[in-house]
């Protein structure tokens, strides 16, 4: 769970940066036909988008898993 959450969190953070207009590392351009790659479907408070929501869930799952690992190590 932990490695997958870290990878997913990195991807979600990269997508959030793209939505916020910070495109430091461009992997590929938009090649979608008939759809807008830059369209933002949800924008609450000016920064909460769908990729940011998924990033938040990944960070939450990483935190819960780390707490679980620590509690398991203490309790044996």
C-alpha atoms as a PDB file:
ATOM      1  CA  UNK A   1       0.000   0.000   0.000  1.00  0.00           C
ATOM      2  CA  UNK A   2       2.721   2.457   0.906  1.00  0.00           C
ATOM      3  CA  UNK A   3       4.741   2.368  -2.356  1.00  0.00           C
ATOM      4  CA  UNK A   4       1.591   2.621  -4.480  1.00  0.00           C
ATOM      5  CA  UNK A   5       0.341   5.552  -2.399  1.00  0.00           C
ATOM      6  CA  UNK A   6       3.644   7.378  -2.787  1.00  0.00           C
ATOM      7  CA  UNK A   7       3.645   6.870  -6.564  1.00  0.00           C
ATOM      8  CA  UNK A   8      -0.001   7.920  -6.825  1.00  0.00           C
ATOM      9  CA  UNK A   9       0.659  10.954  -4.640  1.00  0.00           C
ATOM     10  CA  UNK A  10       3.533  12.062  -6.869  1.00  0.00           C
ATOM     11  CA  UNK A  11       1.394  11.720  -9.993  1.00  0.00           C
ATOM     12  CA  UNK A  12      -1.503  13.592  -8.371  1.00  0.00           C
ATOM     13  CA  UNK A  13       0.854  16.358  -7.204  1.00  0.00           C
ATOM     14  CA  UNK A  14       2.260  16.696 -10.738  1.00  0.00           C
ATOM     15  CA  UNK A  15      -1.272  16.951 -12.138  1.00  0.00           C
ATOM     16  CA  UNK A  16      -2.103  19.583  -9.518  1.00  0.00           C
ATOM     17  CA  UNK A  17       0.908  21.631 -10.571  1.00  0.00           C
ATOM     18  CA  UNK A  18      -0.269  21.485 -14.180  1.00  0.00           C
ATOM     19  CA  UNK A  19      -3.765  22.660 -13.191  1.00  0.00           C
ATOM     20  CA  UNK A  20      -2.265  25.528 -11.174  1.00  0.00           C
ATOM     21  CA  UNK A  21      -0.225  26.622 -14.201  1.00  0.00           C
ATOM     22  CA  UNK A  22       3.171  25.482 -12.905  1.00  0.00           C
ATOM     23  CA  UNK A  23       4.407  23.212 -15.669  1.00  0.00           C
ATOM     24  CA  UNK A  24       8.127  22.918 -14.900  1.00  0.00           C
ATOM     25  CA  UNK A  25       8.554  19.435 -16.378  1.00  0.00           C
ATOM     26  CA  UNK A  26       6.445  18.812 -19.448  1.00  0.00           C
ATOM     27  CA  UNK A  27       6.241  15.095 -20.219  1.00  0.00           C
ATOM     28  CA  UNK A  28       3.957  15.411 -23.211  1.00  0.00           C
ATOM     29  CA  UNK A  29       1.567  17.870 -24.700  1.00  0.00           C
ATOM     30  CA  UNK A  30      -2.167  17.414 -24.937  1.00  0.00           C
ATOM     31  CA  UNK A  31      -3.075  15.244 -27.895  1.00  0.00           C
ATOM     32  CA  UNK A  32      -6.743  14.680 -27.089  1.00  0.00           C
ATOM     33  CA  UNK A  33      -9.108  15.015 -30.022  1.00  0.00           C
ATOM     34  CA  UNK A  34     -12.313  16.846 -29.254  1.00  0.00           C
ATOM     35  CA  UNK A  35     -11.560  17.457 -25.582  1.00  0.00           C
ATOM     36  CA  UNK A  36      -9.802  20.217 -23.694  1.00  0.00           C
ATOM     37  CA  UNK A  37      -6.913  18.924 -21.595  1.00  0.00           C
ATOM     38  CA  UNK A  38      -6.682  22.143 -19.637  1.00  0.00           C
ATOM     39  CA  UNK A  39     -10.360  22.322 -18.658  1.00  0.00           C
ATOM     40  CA  UNK A  40     -10.820  22.415 -14.889  1.00  0.00           C
ATOM     41  CA  UNK A  41     -14.056  20.703 -13.894  1.00  0.00           C
ATOM     42  CA  UNK A  42     -13.934  21.481 -10.150  1.00  0.00           C
ATOM     43  CA  UNK A  43     -12.276  24.501  -8.546  1.00  0.00           C
ATOM     44  CA  UNK A  44     -13.153  25.261  -4.944  1.00  0.00           C
ATOM     45  CA  UNK A  45     -11.467  28.107  -3.059  1.00  0.00           C
ATOM     46  CA  UNK A  46      -9.285  28.747  -6.111  1.00  0.00           C
ATOM     47  CA  UNK A  47      -6.935  25.784  -5.621  1.00  0.00           C
ATOM     48  CA  UNK A  48      -8.874  22.596  -4.802  1.00  0.00           C
ATOM     49  CA  UNK A  49      -9.209  20.622  -8.029  1.00  0.00           C
ATOM     50  CA  UNK A  50      -9.843  16.927  -8.675  1.00  0.00           C
ATOM     51  CA  UNK A  51      -6.095  16.105  -8.850  1.00  0.00           C
ATOM     52  CA  UNK A  52      -5.548  17.985  -5.571  1.00  0.00           C
ATOM     53  CA  UNK A  53      -8.368  15.993  -3.951  1.00  0.00           C
ATOM     54  CA  UNK A  54      -6.705  12.745  -5.024  1.00  0.00           C
ATOM     55  CA  UNK A  55      -3.349  14.036  -3.735  1.00  0.00           C
ATOM     56  CA  UNK A  56      -4.989  14.720  -0.369  1.00  0.00           C
ATOM     57  CA  UNK A  57      -6.363  11.171  -0.200  1.00  0.00           C
ATOM     58  CA  UNK A  58      -2.956   9.697  -1.066  1.00  0.00           C
ATOM     59  CA  UNK A  59      -1.263  11.763   1.653  1.00  0.00           C
ATOM     60  CA  UNK A  60      -3.966  10.696   4.113  1.00  0.00           C
ATOM     61  CA  UNK A  61      -3.511   7.005   3.262  1.00  0.00           C
ATOM     62  CA  UNK A  62       0.275   7.334   3.627  1.00  0.00           C
ATOM     63  CA  UNK A  63      -0.205   8.924   7.047  1.00  0.00           C
ATOM     64  CA  UNK A  64      -2.630   6.247   8.226  1.00  0.00           C
ATOM     65  CA  UNK A  65      -0.339   3.469   7.038  1.00  0.00           C
ATOM     66  CA  UNK A  66       2.693   5.014   8.778  1.00  0.00           C
ATOM     67  CA  UNK A  67       0.707   5.339  12.016  1.00  0.00           C
ATOM     68  CA  UNK A  68      -0.361   1.697  11.659  1.00  0.00           C
ATOM     69  CA  UNK A  69       3.251   0.578  11.108  1.00  0.00           C
ATOM     70  CA  UNK A  70       4.406   2.539  14.165  1.00  0.00           C
ATOM     71  CA  UNK A  71       1.627   1.152  16.393  1.00  0.00           C
ATOM     72  CA  UNK A  72       2.331  -2.376  15.214  1.00  0.00           C
ATOM     73  CA  UNK A  73       6.049  -1.965  15.934  1.00  0.00           C
ATOM     74  CA  UNK A  74       5.340  -0.700  19.492  1.00  0.00           C
ATOM     75  CA  UNK A  75       2.746  -3.366  20.319  1.00  0.00           C
ATOM     76  CA  UNK A  76       4.784  -6.186  18.852  1.00  0.00           C
END
